[in-house]
Amino acid sequence: MKKGESIQDFVRKLRVLLKEVNNVPDDVVAQAFKNALPFDKSGLYNSLTLKPPKTVQDLLVRADRYANVQEDSKYKQQKDFANDRGKQEQPQRDKDRKKHNKDAKIGVS
């Protein structure tokens, strides 16, 4: 897994690879997938270590769940950042508005 690559993209690559190869034991696929993961912000590496999947299908289902969490977390983080940024800019807009109103009252242009 490349740095910055999402779990979702990594799983897509695995699905393509699985269509190209035959007769690879499920435990080998699962171990190779796990070994390619970074140690881990998503928890997927830990999950696969604590409870190894019995089949490739189990691996894909679990990886998809973690990919959904990762994508949702990314969206939430962006949303929270935008909200925080708006809150930080609001006091400055209020100050600018008050200064403009004060200047307008005394005739400064």
N, C-alpha and C. Protein backbone atom coordinates (compact mmCIF):
# COMPACT_ATOMS: atom_id res chain seq x y z
N MET A 1 0.86 -1.17 0.00
CA MET A 1 0.00 0.00 0.00
C MET A 1 0.90 1.23 0.00
N LYS A 2 0.63 2.12 -0.92
CA LYS A 2 1.44 3.33 -1.03
C LYS A 2 1.03 4.34 0.02
N LYS A 3 1.98 5.18 0.41
CA LYS A 3 1.68 6.23 1.37
C LYS A 3 0.61 7.15 0.79
N GLY A 4 -0.41 7.41 1.58
CA GLY A 4 -1.50 8.27 1.15
C GLY A 4 -2.60 7.55 0.37
N GLU A 5 -2.37 6.29 0.04
CA GLU A 5 -3.38 5.52 -0.69
C GLU A 5 -4.49 5.10 0.27
N SER A 6 -5.71 5.20 -0.18
CA SER A 6 -6.85 4.82 0.66
C SER A 6 -7.00 3.30 0.69
N ILE A 7 -7.63 2.82 1.74
CA ILE A 7 -7.93 1.39 1.83
C ILE A 7 -8.80 0.98 0.65
N GLN A 8 -9.75 1.83 0.30
CA GLN A 8 -10.66 1.54 -0.81
C GLN A 8 -9.89 1.31 -2.11
N ASP A 9 -8.92 2.17 -2.40
CA ASP A 9 -8.12 2.01 -3.62
C ASP A 9 -7.27 0.75 -3.56
N PHE A 10 -6.73 0.46 -2.39
CA PHE A 10 -5.91 -0.73 -2.21
C PHE A 10 -6.74 -2.00 -2.41
N VAL A 11 -7.96 -2.00 -1.90
CA VAL A 11 -8.85 -3.16 -2.07
C VAL A 11 -9.22 -3.33 -3.55
N ARG A 12 -9.42 -2.22 -4.25
CA ARG A 12 -9.72 -2.31 -5.69
C ARG A 12 -8.58 -3.01 -6.43
N LYS A 13 -7.34 -2.64 -6.09
CA LYS A 13 -6.18 -3.28 -6.72
C LYS A 13 -6.15 -4.77 -6.41
N LEU A 14 -6.47 -5.13 -5.17
CA LEU A 14 -6.49 -6.54 -4.79
C LEU A 14 -7.53 -7.30 -5.61
N ARG A 15 -8.70 -6.71 -5.77
CA ARG A 15 -9.76 -7.38 -6.53
C ARG A 15 -9.32 -7.63 -7.99
N VAL A 16 -8.65 -6.66 -8.58
CA VAL A 16 -8.15 -6.82 -9.95
C VAL A 16 -7.10 -7.93 -9.98
N LEU A 17 -6.20 -7.92 -9.03
CA LEU A 17 -5.15 -8.93 -8.96
C LEU A 17 -5.72 -10.33 -8.78
N LEU A 18 -6.74 -10.44 -7.94
CA LEU A 18 -7.35 -11.74 -7.70
C LEU A 18 -8.00 -12.32 -8.95
N LYS A 19 -8.47 -11.45 -9.85
CA LYS A 19 -9.04 -11.93 -11.11
C LYS A 19 -7.97 -12.47 -12.06
N GLU A 20 -6.74 -11.98 -11.87
CA GLU A 20 -5.64 -12.37 -12.76
C GLU A 20 -4.92 -13.64 -12.32
N VAL A 21 -5.00 -13.98 -11.05
CA VAL A 21 -4.28 -15.15 -10.54
C VAL A 21 -5.28 -16.21 -10.10
N ASN A 22 -4.83 -17.44 -10.12
CA ASN A 22 -5.69 -18.56 -9.72
C ASN A 22 -4.98 -19.41 -8.68
N ASN A 23 -5.78 -20.08 -7.89
CA ASN A 23 -5.28 -21.10 -6.97
C ASN A 23 -4.29 -20.58 -5.92
N VAL A 24 -4.46 -19.35 -5.50
CA VAL A 24 -3.65 -18.85 -4.39
C VAL A 24 -4.44 -19.11 -3.12
N PRO A 25 -3.84 -19.79 -2.16
CA PRO A 25 -4.57 -20.09 -0.92
C PRO A 25 -5.04 -18.82 -0.21
N ASP A 26 -6.22 -18.89 0.39
CA ASP A 26 -6.81 -17.74 1.06
C ASP A 26 -5.89 -17.16 2.13
N ASP A 27 -5.24 -18.02 2.91
CA ASP A 27 -4.38 -17.52 3.98
C ASP A 27 -3.17 -16.77 3.42
N VAL A 28 -2.69 -17.15 2.25
CA VAL A 28 -1.57 -16.45 1.62
C VAL A 28 -2.02 -15.07 1.15
N VAL A 29 -3.19 -14.99 0.55
CA VAL A 29 -3.74 -13.70 0.11
C VAL A 29 -3.93 -12.78 1.31
N ALA A 30 -4.52 -13.31 2.38
CA ALA A 30 -4.78 -12.50 3.57
C ALA A 30 -3.48 -12.01 4.19
N GLN A 31 -2.47 -12.88 4.28
CA GLN A 31 -1.19 -12.49 4.87
C GLN A 31 -0.48 -11.44 4.01
N ALA A 32 -0.51 -11.62 2.69
CA ALA A 32 0.11 -10.65 1.80
C ALA A 32 -0.59 -9.29 1.90
N PHE A 33 -1.91 -9.31 1.96
CA PHE A 33 -2.67 -8.07 2.10
C PHE A 33 -2.30 -7.37 3.40
N LYS A 34 -2.29 -8.11 4.49
CA LYS A 34 -1.97 -7.54 5.80
C LYS A 34 -0.55 -6.98 5.81
N ASN A 35 0.39 -7.72 5.24
CA ASN A 35 1.79 -7.28 5.23
C ASN A 35 1.98 -6.01 4.41
N ALA A 36 1.12 -5.78 3.44
CA ALA A 36 1.23 -4.58 2.61
C ALA A 36 0.64 -3.34 3.29
N LEU A 37 -0.14 -3.55 4.36
CA LEU A 37 -0.74 -2.42 5.07
C LEU A 37 0.30 -1.72 5.93
N PRO A 38 0.19 -0.40 6.05
CA PRO A 38 1.05 0.28 7.02
C PRO A 38 0.52 0.01 8.42
N PHE A 39 1.36 0.16 9.40
CA PHE A 39 0.86 0.09 10.77
C PHE A 39 0.28 1.44 11.06
N ASP A 40 -0.83 1.49 11.63
CA ASP A 40 -2.07 1.61 10.98
C ASP A 40 -2.92 2.56 11.75
N LYS A 41 -3.47 3.49 11.06
CA LYS A 41 -4.39 4.44 11.68
C LYS A 41 -5.82 3.92 11.62
N SER A 42 -6.08 3.06 10.70
CA SER A 42 -7.46 2.62 10.48
C SER A 42 -7.89 1.51 11.41
N GLY A 43 -6.92 0.75 11.94
CA GLY A 43 -7.26 -0.39 12.78
C GLY A 43 -7.38 -1.68 12.00
N LEU A 44 -7.31 -1.62 10.67
CA LEU A 44 -7.46 -2.81 9.85
C LEU A 44 -6.32 -3.79 10.10
N TYR A 45 -5.10 -3.30 10.18
CA TYR A 45 -3.96 -4.19 10.43
C TYR A 45 -4.15 -4.94 11.75
N ASN A 46 -4.52 -4.21 12.78
CA ASN A 46 -4.76 -4.85 14.08
C ASN A 46 -5.89 -5.86 14.00
N SER A 47 -6.95 -5.51 13.32
CA SER A 47 -8.09 -6.41 13.18
C SER A 47 -7.69 -7.71 12.49
N LEU A 48 -6.91 -7.60 11.42
CA LEU A 48 -6.48 -8.79 10.68
C LEU A 48 -5.49 -9.63 11.48
N THR A 49 -4.74 -8.97 12.36
CA THR A 49 -3.80 -9.69 13.21
C THR A 49 -4.52 -10.43 14.32
N LEU A 50 -5.45 -9.74 14.97
CA LEU A 50 -6.16 -10.35 16.10
C LEU A 50 -7.11 -11.46 15.66
N LYS A 51 -7.74 -11.26 14.51
CA LYS A 51 -8.68 -12.27 14.02
C LYS A 51 -8.48 -12.44 12.51
N PRO A 52 -7.54 -13.29 12.13
CA PRO A 52 -7.29 -13.48 10.70
C PRO A 52 -8.54 -13.97 9.97
N PRO A 53 -8.79 -13.43 8.78
CA PRO A 53 -9.96 -13.88 8.02
C PRO A 53 -9.78 -15.33 7.56
N LYS A 54 -10.86 -16.06 7.53
CA LYS A 54 -10.82 -17.47 7.11
C LYS A 54 -10.81 -17.61 5.59
N THR A 55 -11.42 -16.64 4.91
CA THR A 55 -11.49 -16.69 3.45
C THR A 55 -11.15 -15.33 2.87
N VAL A 56 -10.87 -15.31 1.58
CA VAL A 56 -10.63 -14.03 0.90
C VAL A 56 -11.89 -13.18 0.94
N GLN A 57 -13.05 -13.81 0.84
CA GLN A 57 -14.31 -13.06 0.92
C GLN A 57 -14.43 -12.36 2.27
N ASP A 58 -14.07 -13.06 3.36
CA ASP A 58 -14.08 -12.43 4.69
C ASP A 58 -13.13 -11.24 4.73
N LEU A 59 -11.96 -11.41 4.14
CA LEU A 59 -10.97 -10.33 4.08
C LEU A 59 -11.54 -9.12 3.36
N LEU A 60 -12.16 -9.35 2.21
CA LEU A 60 -12.70 -8.24 1.41
C LEU A 60 -13.84 -7.53 2.12
N VAL A 61 -14.70 -8.29 2.78
CA VAL A 61 -15.82 -7.68 3.52
C VAL A 61 -15.27 -6.80 4.63
N ARG A 62 -14.32 -7.31 5.38
CA ARG A 62 -13.76 -6.53 6.49
C ARG A 62 -13.01 -5.30 5.97
N ALA A 63 -12.22 -5.48 4.92
CA ALA A 63 -11.49 -4.35 4.35
C ALA A 63 -12.45 -3.28 3.83
N ASP A 64 -13.55 -3.70 3.21
CA ASP A 64 -14.56 -2.73 2.73
C ASP A 64 -15.15 -1.94 3.89
N ARG A 65 -15.40 -2.61 5.01
CA ARG A 65 -15.95 -1.90 6.18
C ARG A 65 -14.97 -0.85 6.68
N TYR A 66 -13.70 -1.21 6.78
CA TYR A 66 -12.70 -0.25 7.22
C TYR A 66 -12.52 0.87 6.20
N ALA A 67 -12.63 0.55 4.92
CA ALA A 67 -12.55 1.58 3.88
C ALA A 67 -13.69 2.58 4.03
N ASN A 68 -14.89 2.08 4.33
CA ASN A 68 -16.04 2.98 4.54
C ASN A 68 -15.81 3.89 5.73
N VAL A 69 -15.25 3.35 6.80
CA VAL A 69 -14.95 4.17 7.98
C VAL A 69 -13.91 5.23 7.62
N GLN A 70 -12.88 4.82 6.88
CA GLN A 70 -11.83 5.76 6.50
C GLN A 70 -12.39 6.90 5.64
N GLU A 71 -13.22 6.57 4.67
CA GLU A 71 -13.82 7.59 3.81
C GLU A 71 -14.75 8.51 4.60
N ASP A 72 -15.54 7.94 5.48
CA ASP A 72 -16.44 8.74 6.30
C ASP A 72 -15.66 9.66 7.23
N SER A 73 -14.58 9.16 7.80
CA SER A 73 -13.75 9.96 8.69
C SER A 73 -13.11 11.12 7.93
N LYS A 74 -12.66 10.84 6.71
CA LYS A 74 -12.06 11.88 5.87
C LYS A 74 -13.08 12.99 5.59
N TYR A 75 -14.30 12.59 5.22
CA TYR A 75 -15.37 13.56 4.95
C TYR A 75 -15.67 14.38 6.20
N LYS A 76 -15.79 13.69 7.35
CA LYS A 76 -16.11 14.37 8.61
C LYS A 76 -15.02 15.36 8.97
N GLN A 77 -13.77 14.96 8.80
CA GLN A 77 -12.65 15.84 9.12
C GLN A 77 -12.68 17.10 8.25
N GLN A 78 -12.96 16.93 6.96
CA GLN A 78 -13.05 18.08 6.06
C GLN A 78 -14.21 19.00 6.46
N LYS A 79 -15.33 18.40 6.82
CA LYS A 79 -16.50 19.18 7.22
C LYS A 79 -16.21 19.95 8.50
N ASP A 80 -15.59 19.28 9.48
CA ASP A 80 -15.26 19.94 10.74
C ASP A 80 -14.25 21.07 10.52
N PHE A 81 -13.28 20.85 9.62
CA PHE A 81 -12.30 21.88 9.33
C PHE A 81 -12.98 23.11 8.73
N ALA A 82 -13.90 22.88 7.80
CA ALA A 82 -14.62 23.99 7.18
C ALA A 82 -15.45 24.75 8.21
N ASN A 83 -16.10 24.02 9.11
CA ASN A 83 -16.90 24.66 10.16
C ASN A 83 -16.01 25.47 11.10
N ASP A 84 -14.87 24.90 11.50
CA ASP A 84 -13.96 25.60 12.40
C ASP A 84 -13.40 26.85 11.74
N ARG A 85 -13.11 26.75 10.45
CA ARG A 85 -12.56 27.90 9.74
C ARG A 85 -13.59 29.03 9.68
N GLY A 86 -14.84 28.68 9.44
CA GLY A 86 -15.90 29.69 9.41
C GLY A 86 -16.07 30.37 10.75
N LYS A 87 -15.94 29.61 11.84
CA LYS A 87 -16.06 30.18 13.18
C LYS A 87 -14.91 31.13 13.48
N GLN A 88 -13.71 30.81 12.98
CA GLN A 88 -12.55 31.66 13.22
C GLN A 88 -12.66 32.96 12.44
N GLU A 89 -13.24 32.90 11.26
CA GLU A 89 -13.36 34.09 10.42
C GLU A 89 -14.50 35.00 10.88
N GLN A 90 -15.48 34.48 11.56
CA GLN A 90 -16.64 35.27 11.99
C GLN A 90 -16.25 36.45 12.88
N PRO A 91 -15.42 36.27 13.93
CA PRO A 91 -15.07 37.42 14.76
C PRO A 91 -14.39 38.53 13.96
N GLN A 92 -13.53 38.19 12.99
CA GLN A 92 -12.87 39.21 12.19
C GLN A 92 -13.89 39.94 11.32
N ARG A 93 -14.86 39.23 10.77
CA ARG A 93 -15.90 39.90 9.98
C ARG A 93 -16.71 40.85 10.85
N ASP A 94 -17.00 40.44 12.10
CA ASP A 94 -17.73 41.31 13.01
C ASP A 94 -16.93 42.57 13.31
N LYS A 95 -15.63 42.43 13.53
CA LYS A 95 -14.77 43.61 13.79
C LYS A 95 -14.76 44.53 12.59
N ASP A 96 -14.62 43.95 11.39
CA ASP A 96 -14.60 44.76 10.17
C ASP A 96 -15.92 45.49 9.99
N ARG A 97 -17.03 44.82 10.28
CA ARG A 97 -18.34 45.43 10.14
C ARG A 97 -18.50 46.59 11.12
N LYS A 98 -18.08 46.40 12.37
CA LYS A 98 -18.19 47.46 13.37
C LYS A 98 -17.35 48.66 12.98
N LYS A 99 -16.11 48.41 12.48
CA LYS A 99 -15.25 49.50 12.06
C LYS A 99 -15.88 50.25 10.89
N HIS A 100 -16.44 49.51 9.93
CA HIS A 100 -17.09 50.14 8.79
C HIS A 100 -18.26 51.01 9.25
N ASN A 101 -19.09 50.49 10.14
CA ASN A 101 -20.24 51.26 10.64
C ASN A 101 -19.78 52.50 11.39
N LYS A 102 -18.72 52.37 12.19
CA LYS A 102 -18.19 53.51 12.95
C LYS A 102 -17.66 54.57 11.99
N ASP A 103 -16.91 54.12 10.97
CA ASP A 103 -16.37 55.06 9.99
C ASP A 103 -17.48 55.75 9.21
N ALA A 104 -18.54 55.03 8.91
CA ALA A 104 -19.66 55.61 8.16
C ALA A 104 -20.35 56.69 8.98
N LYS A 105 -20.44 56.50 10.31
CA LYS A 105 -21.10 57.48 11.17
C LYS A 105 -20.32 58.79 11.24
N ILE A 106 -18.98 58.68 11.21
CA ILE A 106 -18.19 59.91 11.32
C ILE A 106 -17.79 60.47 9.96
N GLY A 107 -18.24 59.83 8.88
CA GLY A 107 -18.04 60.34 7.53
C GLY A 107 -16.69 60.00 6.92
N VAL A 108 -16.04 58.97 7.40
CA VAL A 108 -14.76 58.55 6.81
C VAL A 108 -15.05 57.61 5.65
N SER A 109 -14.38 57.83 4.51
CA SER A 109 -14.60 56.92 3.39
C SER A 109 -13.39 56.09 3.10
